[in-house]
Protein backbone atom coordinates (compact mmCIF):
# COMPACT_ATOMS: atom_id res chain seq x y z
CA MET A 1 0.00 0.00 0.00
CA THR A 2 1.13 3.54 -0.77
CA LEU A 3 0.13 6.89 0.70
CA ALA A 4 -2.07 7.45 -2.35
CA ASP A 5 -4.14 4.42 -1.35
CA LEU A 6 -5.01 5.75 2.11
CA ARG A 7 -8.65 6.50 2.82
CA THR A 8 -7.66 8.19 6.08
CA LYS A 9 -6.81 11.87 5.62
CA ILE A 10 -3.47 12.97 7.07
CA TYR A 11 -3.44 16.27 8.95
CA ALA A 12 -0.09 17.81 9.94
CA ASP A 13 0.10 18.67 13.64
CA GLY A 14 2.48 21.50 14.49
CA ALA A 15 3.01 25.20 15.13
CA GLU A 16 6.14 26.16 13.21
CA LEU A 17 5.16 28.06 10.07
CA PRO A 18 8.10 26.89 7.89
CA GLY A 19 7.27 23.27 8.71
CA MET A 20 3.58 23.85 8.07
CA LEU A 21 4.34 25.42 4.70
CA ALA A 22 6.59 22.49 3.79
CA MET A 23 3.72 20.13 4.57
CA TYR A 24 1.31 22.36 2.62
CA ARG A 25 3.33 21.59 -0.49
CA GLU A 26 2.67 17.86 0.00
CA PRO A 27 -0.56 16.74 -1.71
CA HIS A 28 -1.13 13.94 0.83
CA ILE A 29 -1.46 16.50 3.67
CA LYS A 30 -5.17 17.33 3.73
CA GLY A 31 -5.33 19.68 6.73
CA PHE A 32 -3.57 21.09 9.80
CA THR A 33 -4.00 21.17 13.57
CA THR A 34 -2.18 22.93 16.36
CA ASN A 35 -2.60 23.52 20.09
CA PRO A 36 -1.30 25.87 22.81
CA THR A 37 1.42 23.42 23.90
CA LEU A 38 2.87 23.17 20.40
CA MET A 39 2.62 26.93 19.96
CA ARG A 40 4.43 27.59 23.22
CA LYS A 41 7.22 25.17 22.23
CA ALA A 42 7.52 27.01 18.92
CA GLY A 43 7.94 30.33 20.74
CA ILE A 44 4.63 31.82 19.60
CA THR A 45 3.72 34.80 21.78
CA ASP A 46 1.00 36.54 19.74
CA TYR A 47 -1.75 33.97 19.17
CA ARG A 48 -3.92 36.06 16.84
CA ALA A 49 -1.01 37.26 14.70
CA PHE A 50 0.32 33.73 14.30
CA ALA A 51 -3.09 32.39 13.32
CA LYS A 52 -3.66 35.13 10.77
CA GLU A 53 -0.23 34.50 9.24
CA VAL A 54 -0.95 30.78 8.95
CA LEU A 55 -4.39 31.34 7.45
CA ALA A 56 -3.01 33.77 4.87
CA ALA A 57 -0.39 31.23 3.83
CA ILE A 58 -2.73 28.22 3.90
CA PRO A 59 -6.10 29.47 2.64
CA ASP A 60 -7.70 26.29 1.36
CA ARG A 61 -7.27 23.39 3.80
CA PRO A 62 -8.91 22.85 7.20
CA ILE A 63 -6.92 24.29 10.11
CA SER A 64 -7.76 23.83 13.80
CA PHE A 65 -6.93 26.44 16.44
CA GLU A 66 -7.67 25.80 20.11
CA VAL A 67 -9.34 28.01 22.70
CA PHE A 68 -7.24 28.51 25.83
CA SER A 69 -9.61 29.80 28.48
CA ASP A 70 -10.78 27.58 31.35
CA GLU A 71 -14.18 29.29 31.62
CA PHE A 72 -16.92 28.28 29.22
CA ASP A 73 -18.25 31.78 28.59
CA ASP A 74 -14.78 32.97 27.61
CA MET A 75 -14.18 29.80 25.57
CA GLU A 76 -17.30 30.71 23.62
CA ARG A 77 -16.10 34.26 23.03
CA GLN A 78 -12.72 33.00 21.80
CA ALA A 79 -14.35 30.31 19.65
CA ARG A 80 -16.63 32.77 17.89
CA GLU A 81 -13.74 35.09 17.10
CA MET A 82 -11.57 32.24 15.82
CA ALA A 83 -14.43 31.00 13.63
CA SER A 84 -14.61 34.48 12.06
CA TRP A 85 -11.03 34.16 10.80
CA GLY A 86 -12.00 31.90 7.92
CA ASP A 87 -14.44 29.31 6.65
CA HIS A 88 -11.73 26.63 6.82
CA VAL A 89 -11.11 27.24 10.55
CA TYR A 90 -12.14 24.54 12.99
CA VAL A 91 -12.17 25.66 16.62
CA LYS A 92 -10.76 23.19 19.11
CA ILE A 93 -12.79 22.89 22.29
CA PRO A 94 -11.43 20.64 25.07
CA VAL A 95 -13.88 17.97 26.19
CA THR A 96 -13.71 19.35 29.75
CA ASN A 97 -12.11 22.28 31.52
CA THR A 98 -9.39 21.75 34.14
CA ARG A 99 -12.04 21.21 36.82
CA ARG A 100 -13.38 18.20 34.86
CA GLU A 101 -16.58 20.07 34.03
CA PRO A 102 -17.79 18.78 30.65
CA ALA A 103 -18.01 21.15 27.69
CA TYR A 104 -20.98 19.37 26.09
CA ASP A 105 -23.43 22.28 26.43
CA LEU A 106 -20.91 24.68 24.88
CA VAL A 107 -20.18 22.21 22.08
CA HIS A 108 -23.90 21.93 21.31
CA ARG A 109 -24.43 25.69 21.39
CA LEU A 110 -21.49 26.51 19.11
CA SER A 111 -22.05 23.66 16.68
CA HIS A 112 -25.71 24.51 16.24
CA ALA A 113 -24.75 28.16 15.72
CA GLY A 114 -22.70 27.08 12.71
CA VAL A 115 -19.22 27.05 14.27
CA LYS A 116 -17.05 24.24 12.92
CA LEU A 117 -15.55 22.46 15.92
CA ASN A 118 -12.74 20.07 16.70
CA VAL A 119 -13.63 18.66 20.11
CA THR A 120 -10.33 17.56 21.56
CA ALA A 121 -8.58 15.53 24.29
CA LEU A 122 -11.20 12.77 24.38
CA MET A 123 -10.12 9.43 25.83
CA THR A 124 -13.22 7.50 26.91
CA LEU A 125 -16.07 6.16 24.82
CA GLU A 126 -18.47 7.80 27.26
CA GLN A 127 -16.97 11.15 26.25
CA VAL A 128 -17.34 10.25 22.58
CA GLN A 129 -21.00 9.37 23.12
CA ALA A 130 -21.76 12.66 24.88
CA VAL A 131 -19.86 14.76 22.33
CA VAL A 132 -21.63 13.08 19.41
CA GLU A 133 -24.99 13.78 21.03
CA ALA A 134 -23.99 17.44 21.35
CA LEU A 135 -22.81 17.64 17.73
CA GLU A 136 -25.69 15.76 16.14
CA GLY A 137 -27.48 18.04 13.67
CA GLY A 138 -24.85 20.77 13.95
CA ALA A 139 -22.06 22.12 11.75
CA PRO A 140 -19.29 19.97 10.24
CA SER A 141 -17.00 18.88 13.06
CA ASN A 142 -14.09 16.74 14.21
CA VAL A 143 -13.93 14.49 17.26
CA SER A 144 -10.32 14.00 18.40
CA VAL A 145 -9.74 10.81 20.37
CA PHE A 146 -6.18 10.63 21.67
CA ALA A 147 -5.46 7.08 20.57
CA GLY A 148 -1.73 7.43 21.24
CA ARG A 149 -2.34 8.35 24.86
CA VAL A 150 -4.82 5.49 25.16
CA ALA A 151 -2.01 3.19 23.95
CA ASP A 152 0.38 4.75 26.46
CA THR A 153 -1.80 3.29 29.23
CA GLY A 154 -1.34 -0.25 27.91
CA ARG A 155 -4.71 -0.39 26.10
CA ASP A 156 -5.04 -1.41 22.46
CA PRO A 157 -6.33 1.71 20.66
CA VAL A 158 -7.66 -0.14 17.59
CA PRO A 159 -10.86 -1.61 19.09
CA HIS A 160 -11.28 1.62 21.05
CA MET A 161 -11.20 3.70 17.86
CA ARG A 162 -13.39 1.23 16.02
CA ALA A 163 -16.01 1.61 18.75
CA ALA A 164 -15.71 5.40 18.53
CA LEU A 165 -16.33 5.23 14.77
CA ASP A 166 -19.48 3.25 15.39
CA ILE A 167 -20.74 5.93 17.79
CA LEU A 168 -20.03 8.67 15.21
CA LYS A 169 -22.54 7.14 12.79
CA ARG A 170 -25.16 9.16 14.68
CA ALA A 171 -23.55 12.41 13.50
CA PRO A 172 -22.74 12.08 9.78
CA ARG A 173 -21.22 15.57 9.63
CA ALA A 174 -18.65 14.65 12.30
CA GLU A 175 -15.32 13.02 11.46
CA LEU A 176 -13.20 10.99 13.85
CA ILE A 177 -9.58 12.01 14.35
CA TRP A 178 -6.98 9.46 15.48
CA ALA A 179 -4.94 11.90 17.55
CA SER A 180 -1.47 11.64 19.13
CA PRO A 181 -0.14 8.75 17.02
CA ARG A 182 3.16 7.26 18.12
CA GLU A 183 4.43 5.64 14.90
CA VAL A 184 3.83 5.33 11.16
CA LEU A 185 2.01 2.03 11.76
CA ASN A 186 -0.81 4.02 13.37
CA VAL A 187 -1.54 5.67 10.01
CA PHE A 188 -2.24 2.28 8.49
CA GLN A 189 -4.19 1.10 11.52
CA ALA A 190 -6.40 4.17 11.13
CA HIS A 191 -6.85 3.32 7.45
CA GLU A 192 -7.78 -0.28 8.19
CA ILE A 193 -10.65 0.65 10.50
CA GLY A 194 -11.85 3.50 8.29
CA CYS A 195 -10.96 6.36 10.62
CA HIS A 196 -11.57 9.64 8.82
CA ILE A 197 -8.47 11.62 9.86
CA ILE A 198 -5.16 11.11 11.62
CA THR A 199 -3.09 14.01 12.97
CA VAL A 200 0.64 13.48 12.54
CA THR A 201 3.58 15.49 13.87
CA ASN A 202 6.52 16.33 11.61
CA ASP A 203 8.82 13.76 13.21
CA ILE A 204 6.44 10.98 12.16
CA LEU A 205 5.64 12.63 8.82
CA ARG A 206 9.33 12.48 7.95
CA LYS A 207 9.18 8.70 8.38
CA LEU A 208 6.49 8.34 5.74
CA SER A 209 9.29 8.14 3.18
CA LEU A 210 10.08 4.72 4.67
CA VAL A 211 6.71 3.26 3.70
CA GLY A 212 7.31 0.11 1.62
CA LYS A 213 11.09 0.26 2.06
CA ASP A 214 12.95 -3.00 1.49
CA LEU A 215 13.71 -4.42 4.95
CA GLY A 216 16.97 -5.99 3.81
CA ASP A 217 18.22 -2.61 2.63
CA TYR A 218 17.00 -1.01 5.86
CA SER A 219 18.91 -3.63 7.85
CA LEU A 220 22.11 -2.88 5.93
CA GLU A 221 21.71 0.86 6.44
CA THR A 222 21.34 0.26 10.18
CA VAL A 223 24.49 -1.87 10.30
CA ARG A 224 26.39 0.82 8.42
CA MET A 225 25.12 3.48 10.83
CA PHE A 226 26.43 1.54 13.85
CA PHE A 227 29.77 0.92 12.11
CA ASP A 228 30.23 4.52 10.98
CA ASP A 229 29.35 5.93 14.41
CA ALA A 230 31.73 3.58 16.18
CA LYS A 231 34.47 4.53 13.74
CA ALA A 232 33.81 8.26 14.10
CA ALA A 233 33.93 7.92 17.89
CA GLY A 234 37.33 6.22 17.67
CA TYR A 235 36.33 3.31 19.90
CA ARG A 236 39.03 0.76 20.72
CA ILE A 237 39.12 -2.39 22.85
């Protein structure tokens, strides 16, 4: 299988404009996501200015920007402004605030007001169920289940994501995102179950060039790497 055969759309996940623009030139990158943590790591200090610069440079693919308030009324204010930045903007709303208060009412209100949402940081199927109920009948939306973090807890994310897909059938305008993947294999796992979107960071995107690589050649390259590094270090016994 090649990248052209994938039914799952690949979204680049990052906050460094040069990297985003490099991914924009790749036809297999169908959209973009970011979040406050990635933006802080990238040294972004002016949220609005950064977003406007990105949207000017990438005018025709979905891009998600995340609210950063912990109060639902202020989240709504931020979400409505972000939505005004462009028709291809999806506003990321966390599934709860930091006090574990669910954002379902806000999600319903915004979605049914026409705001395209990316409801983020979901882990449990109960959260998926509640979010889908809030989105049903609303604007086009994304539901981001953090499959990689589910896997970090020792749980197999594949049946988890398959169950989430089944729940999303109730909201045909919502697409499931396989979020926080850990390896290239996750892209193909998402494809196999029919997941709509997978968000991928640049470090994993760079590994996509390895898809289909001959394993014998890869083995030889690895052996040469060990040999060359040992030689360069001047090791002796």
